[in-house]
Amino acid sequence: MTQPRVFTPNTGLLAKISVRNLRLRTFIGFNPEEREKKQDVVINIDIRYRMPRAVLEDRVEEALNYKVITKNVIRCVEQGRFLLLEKLVADVLAVCSDHPDICWSRVTIEKPHALRFADSVSLTLEYERGASAQYPLLEKAS
């Protein structure tokens, strides 16, 4: 019987974590009714990060903890008040880009029923480490 092959890369790996359809409620919008009542938002997150080889040995302490990131996103959204979808997405993107091993992240947030004849309106922002002047919104968001 042959032994299972163990994957051992020579260089670091890039891994991607995706969080799909995180449904939260927040104050979003500038109309009077939007400022008084929380609305549903649907969040999709993709995070690409440098995965240390130690995680291939099941060393949990070396792994990127997506549960911590998701809890921070939940806190940011549920405790915040936002006039614009752009500000909400920029704030969530800042949370999802904070860890030093994260190379790239993308956040899309949908606001269901924002338009009468549409299922939702959504906005997407991306972050790439090293692309410094690309996202001045992130500086304003923090």
C-alpha atoms as a PDB file:
ATOM      1  CA  MET A   1       0.000   0.000   0.000  1.00  0.00           C
ATOM      2  CA  THR A   2       1.412   3.379  -0.969  1.00  0.00           C
ATOM      3  CA  GLN A   3       1.683   6.278   1.445  1.00  0.00           C
ATOM      4  CA  PRO A   4      -0.393   9.381   0.658  1.00  0.00           C
ATOM      5  CA  ARG A   5       1.619  12.130  -0.944  1.00  0.00           C
ATOM      6  CA  VAL A   6       2.238  15.100   1.344  1.00  0.00           C
ATOM      7  CA  PHE A   7       2.128  18.522  -0.252  1.00  0.00           C
ATOM      8  CA  THR A   8       5.285  20.445   0.619  1.00  0.00           C
ATOM      9  CA  PRO A   9       5.757  23.638  -1.375  1.00  0.00           C
ATOM     10  CA  ASN A  10       9.195  25.164  -1.793  1.00  0.00           C
ATOM     11  CA  THR A  11       7.846  28.682  -1.579  1.00  0.00           C
ATOM     12  CA  GLY A  12       5.014  30.348   0.282  1.00  0.00           C
ATOM     13  CA  LEU A  13       1.506  29.760  -0.951  1.00  0.00           C
ATOM     14  CA  LEU A  14      -1.202  32.262  -1.658  1.00  0.00           C
ATOM     15  CA  ALA A  15      -4.523  31.165  -0.213  1.00  0.00           C
ATOM     16  CA  LYS A  16      -7.960  32.684  -0.664  1.00  0.00           C
ATOM     17  CA  ILE A  17     -10.699  32.821   1.948  1.00  0.00           C
ATOM     18  CA  SER A  18     -14.230  33.662   0.850  1.00  0.00           C
ATOM     19  CA  VAL A  19     -17.127  34.599   3.099  1.00  0.00           C
ATOM     20  CA  ARG A  20     -20.418  34.432   1.197  1.00  0.00           C
ATOM     21  CA  ASN A  21     -23.725  36.132   1.889  1.00  0.00           C
ATOM     22  CA  LEU A  22     -23.077  37.409   5.396  1.00  0.00           C
ATOM     23  CA  ARG A  23     -26.451  38.956   6.241  1.00  0.00           C
ATOM     24  CA  LEU A  24     -26.379  41.838   8.703  1.00  0.00           C
ATOM     25  CA  ARG A  25     -28.467  44.867   9.650  1.00  0.00           C
ATOM     26  CA  THR A  26     -27.251  48.440   9.898  1.00  0.00           C
ATOM     27  CA  PHE A  27     -28.274  52.049   9.500  1.00  0.00           C
ATOM     28  CA  ILE A  28     -27.537  52.857   5.857  1.00  0.00           C
ATOM     29  CA  GLY A  29     -28.842  55.787   3.845  1.00  0.00           C
ATOM     30  CA  PHE A  30     -29.644  59.457   4.217  1.00  0.00           C
ATOM     31  CA  ASN A  31     -33.416  59.502   3.834  1.00  0.00           C
ATOM     32  CA  PRO A  32     -35.242  60.049   7.147  1.00  0.00           C
ATOM     33  CA  GLU A  33     -36.734  56.534   7.244  1.00  0.00           C
ATOM     34  CA  GLU A  34     -33.301  55.018   6.528  1.00  0.00           C
ATOM     35  CA  ARG A  35     -31.755  56.930   9.416  1.00  0.00           C
ATOM     36  CA  GLU A  36     -34.368  55.632  11.881  1.00  0.00           C
ATOM     37  CA  LYS A  37     -34.619  51.949  10.958  1.00  0.00           C
ATOM     38  CA  LYS A  38     -31.883  49.366  10.341  1.00  0.00           C
ATOM     39  CA  GLN A  39     -31.785  47.773   6.920  1.00  0.00           C
ATOM     40  CA  ASP A  40     -30.493  44.456   5.667  1.00  0.00           C
ATOM     41  CA  VAL A  41     -27.169  44.285   3.862  1.00  0.00           C
ATOM     42  CA  VAL A  42     -25.539  41.254   2.271  1.00  0.00           C
ATOM     43  CA  ILE A  43     -21.741  41.087   2.396  1.00  0.00           C
ATOM     44  CA  ASN A  44     -19.353  39.027   0.284  1.00  0.00           C
ATOM     45  CA  ILE A  45     -15.660  39.011   1.156  1.00  0.00           C
ATOM     46  CA  ASP A  46     -12.618  37.566  -0.627  1.00  0.00           C
ATOM     47  CA  ILE A  47      -9.218  37.682   1.071  1.00  0.00           C
ATOM     48  CA  ARG A  48      -5.967  36.507  -0.526  1.00  0.00           C
ATOM     49  CA  TYR A  49      -3.096  36.030   1.914  1.00  0.00           C
ATOM     50  CA  ARG A  50       0.351  34.514   2.231  1.00  0.00           C
ATOM     51  CA  MET A  51      -0.194  31.162   3.872  1.00  0.00           C
ATOM     52  CA  PRO A  52       2.705  30.037   6.047  1.00  0.00           C
ATOM     53  CA  ARG A  53       3.902  26.471   5.444  1.00  0.00           C
ATOM     54  CA  ALA A  54       3.342  25.726   9.130  1.00  0.00           C
ATOM     55  CA  VAL A  55      -0.416  25.488   8.533  1.00  0.00           C
ATOM     56  CA  LEU A  56       0.220  22.410   6.366  1.00  0.00           C
ATOM     57  CA  GLU A  57       1.385  20.798   9.589  1.00  0.00           C
ATOM     58  CA  ASP A  58      -1.932  21.762  11.236  1.00  0.00           C
ATOM     59  CA  ARG A  59      -0.353  24.496  13.379  1.00  0.00           C
ATOM     60  CA  VAL A  60      -3.502  26.467  14.148  1.00  0.00           C
ATOM     61  CA  GLU A  61      -1.657  29.377  15.731  1.00  0.00           C
ATOM     62  CA  GLU A  62      -0.037  30.140  12.342  1.00  0.00           C
ATOM     63  CA  ALA A  63      -3.325  30.285  10.390  1.00  0.00           C
ATOM     64  CA  LEU A  64      -5.189  33.435   9.418  1.00  0.00           C
ATOM     65  CA  ASN A  65      -8.252  33.440  11.649  1.00  0.00           C
ATOM     66  CA  TYR A  66     -11.215  34.226   9.398  1.00  0.00           C
ATOM     67  CA  LYS A  67     -13.582  33.969  12.374  1.00  0.00           C
ATOM     68  CA  VAL A  68     -11.853  36.945  14.047  1.00  0.00           C
ATOM     69  CA  ILE A  69     -12.014  38.952  10.812  1.00  0.00           C
ATOM     70  CA  THR A  70     -15.710  38.124  10.376  1.00  0.00           C
ATOM     71  CA  LYS A  71     -16.517  39.095  13.975  1.00  0.00           C
ATOM     72  CA  ASN A  72     -14.749  42.438  13.424  1.00  0.00           C
ATOM     73  CA  VAL A  73     -16.799  42.982  10.245  1.00  0.00           C
ATOM     74  CA  ILE A  74     -20.020  42.218  12.137  1.00  0.00           C
ATOM     75  CA  ARG A  75     -19.097  44.703  14.883  1.00  0.00           C
ATOM     76  CA  CYS A  76     -18.179  47.401  12.322  1.00  0.00           C
ATOM     77  CA  VAL A  77     -21.434  47.004  10.385  1.00  0.00           C
ATOM     78  CA  GLU A  78     -23.895  46.510  13.223  1.00  0.00           C
ATOM     79  CA  GLN A  79     -22.515  49.311  15.399  1.00  0.00           C
ATOM     80  CA  GLY A  80     -22.038  51.794  12.555  1.00  0.00           C
ATOM     81  CA  ARG A  81     -24.219  54.401  10.927  1.00  0.00           C
ATOM     82  CA  PHE A  82     -23.598  55.150   7.270  1.00  0.00           C
ATOM     83  CA  LEU A  83     -25.005  57.684   4.863  1.00  0.00           C
ATOM     84  CA  LEU A  84     -23.385  56.118   1.809  1.00  0.00           C
ATOM     85  CA  LEU A  85     -22.819  52.560   0.669  1.00  0.00           C
ATOM     86  CA  GLU A  86     -19.300  53.635  -0.340  1.00  0.00           C
ATOM     87  CA  LYS A  87     -18.398  54.480   3.263  1.00  0.00           C
ATOM     88  CA  LEU A  88     -19.784  51.190   4.567  1.00  0.00           C
ATOM     89  CA  VAL A  89     -17.846  49.166   1.974  1.00  0.00           C
ATOM     90  CA  ALA A  90     -14.634  51.142   2.609  1.00  0.00           C
ATOM     91  CA  ASP A  91     -14.895  50.543   6.362  1.00  0.00           C
ATOM     92  CA  VAL A  92     -15.460  46.807   5.897  1.00  0.00           C
ATOM     93  CA  LEU A  93     -12.600  46.626   3.387  1.00  0.00           C
ATOM     94  CA  ALA A  94     -10.301  48.279   5.937  1.00  0.00           C
ATOM     95  CA  VAL A  95     -11.229  45.580   8.483  1.00  0.00           C
ATOM     96  CA  CYS A  96     -10.621  42.843   5.901  1.00  0.00           C
ATOM     97  CA  SER A  97      -7.202  44.225   4.914  1.00  0.00           C
ATOM     98  CA  ASP A  98      -5.724  44.821   8.343  1.00  0.00           C
ATOM     99  CA  HIS A  99      -3.623  41.673   8.869  1.00  0.00           C
ATOM    100  CA  PRO A 100      -0.007  41.930   7.585  1.00  0.00           C
ATOM    101  CA  ASP A 101      -0.252  38.617   5.674  1.00  0.00           C
ATOM    102  CA  ILE A 102      -3.180  39.864   3.574  1.00  0.00           C
ATOM    103  CA  CYS A 103      -2.070  40.756   0.039  1.00  0.00           C
ATOM    104  CA  TRP A 104      -5.427  41.502  -1.544  1.00  0.00           C
ATOM    105  CA  SER A 105      -9.044  41.742  -0.514  1.00  0.00           C
ATOM    106  CA  ARG A 106     -12.362  42.519  -2.133  1.00  0.00           C
ATOM    107  CA  VAL A 107     -15.647  43.429  -0.447  1.00  0.00           C
ATOM    108  CA  THR A 108     -19.040  43.609  -2.136  1.00  0.00           C
ATOM    109  CA  ILE A 109     -22.030  44.816  -0.169  1.00  0.00           C
ATOM    110  CA  GLU A 110     -25.581  44.617  -1.459  1.00  0.00           C
ATOM    111  CA  LYS A 111     -28.413  46.766  -0.227  1.00  0.00           C
ATOM    112  CA  PRO A 112     -31.535  44.707  -1.041  1.00  0.00           C
ATOM    113  CA  HIS A 113     -34.634  46.561  -2.220  1.00  0.00           C
ATOM    114  CA  ALA A 114     -32.780  49.893  -2.555  1.00  0.00           C
ATOM    115  CA  LEU A 115     -34.457  50.448  -5.909  1.00  0.00           C
ATOM    116  CA  ARG A 116     -38.090  49.747  -6.629  1.00  0.00           C
ATOM    117  CA  PHE A 117     -37.620  47.400  -9.595  1.00  0.00           C
ATOM    118  CA  ALA A 118     -34.263  45.846  -8.642  1.00  0.00           C
ATOM    119  CA  ASP A 119     -33.390  43.009  -6.288  1.00  0.00           C
ATOM    120  CA  SER A 120     -30.517  45.026  -4.850  1.00  0.00           C
ATOM    121  CA  VAL A 121     -27.851  47.648  -5.393  1.00  0.00           C
ATOM    122  CA  SER A 122     -24.260  46.681  -4.676  1.00  0.00           C
ATOM    123  CA  LEU A 123     -20.841  48.266  -4.482  1.00  0.00           C
ATOM    124  CA  THR A 124     -17.445  46.576  -4.658  1.00  0.00           C
ATOM    125  CA  LEU A 125     -14.059  47.867  -3.519  1.00  0.00           C
ATOM    126  CA  GLU A 126     -10.699  46.111  -3.705  1.00  0.00           C
ATOM    127  CA  TYR A 127      -7.478  46.519  -1.760  1.00  0.00           C
ATOM    128  CA  GLU A 128      -4.019  45.478  -2.930  1.00  0.00           C
ATOM    129  CA  ARG A 129      -1.025  45.784  -0.620  1.00  0.00           C
ATOM    130  CA  GLY A 130       1.562  48.052  -2.184  1.00  0.00           C
ATOM    131  CA  ALA A 131      -0.894  49.971  -4.360  1.00  0.00           C
ATOM    132  CA  SER A 132      -0.647  52.944  -1.997  1.00  0.00           C
ATOM    133  CA  ALA A 133      -2.522  55.809  -3.612  1.00  0.00           C
ATOM    134  CA  GLN A 134      -5.212  53.557  -5.023  1.00  0.00           C
ATOM    135  CA  TYR A 135      -7.648  53.813  -2.098  1.00  0.00           C
ATOM    136  CA  PRO A 136      -7.811  57.198  -0.403  1.00  0.00           C
ATOM    137  CA  LEU A 137     -11.247  56.110   0.898  1.00  0.00           C
ATOM    138  CA  LEU A 138      -9.558  53.715   3.308  1.00  0.00           C
ATOM    139  CA  GLU A 139      -7.743  56.604   4.985  1.00  0.00           C
ATOM    140  CA  LYS A 140     -11.017  58.488   5.369  1.00  0.00           C
ATOM    141  CA  ALA A 141     -12.807  55.381   6.627  1.00  0.00           C
ATOM    142  CA  SER A 142     -10.619  54.780   9.608  1.00  0.00           C
END
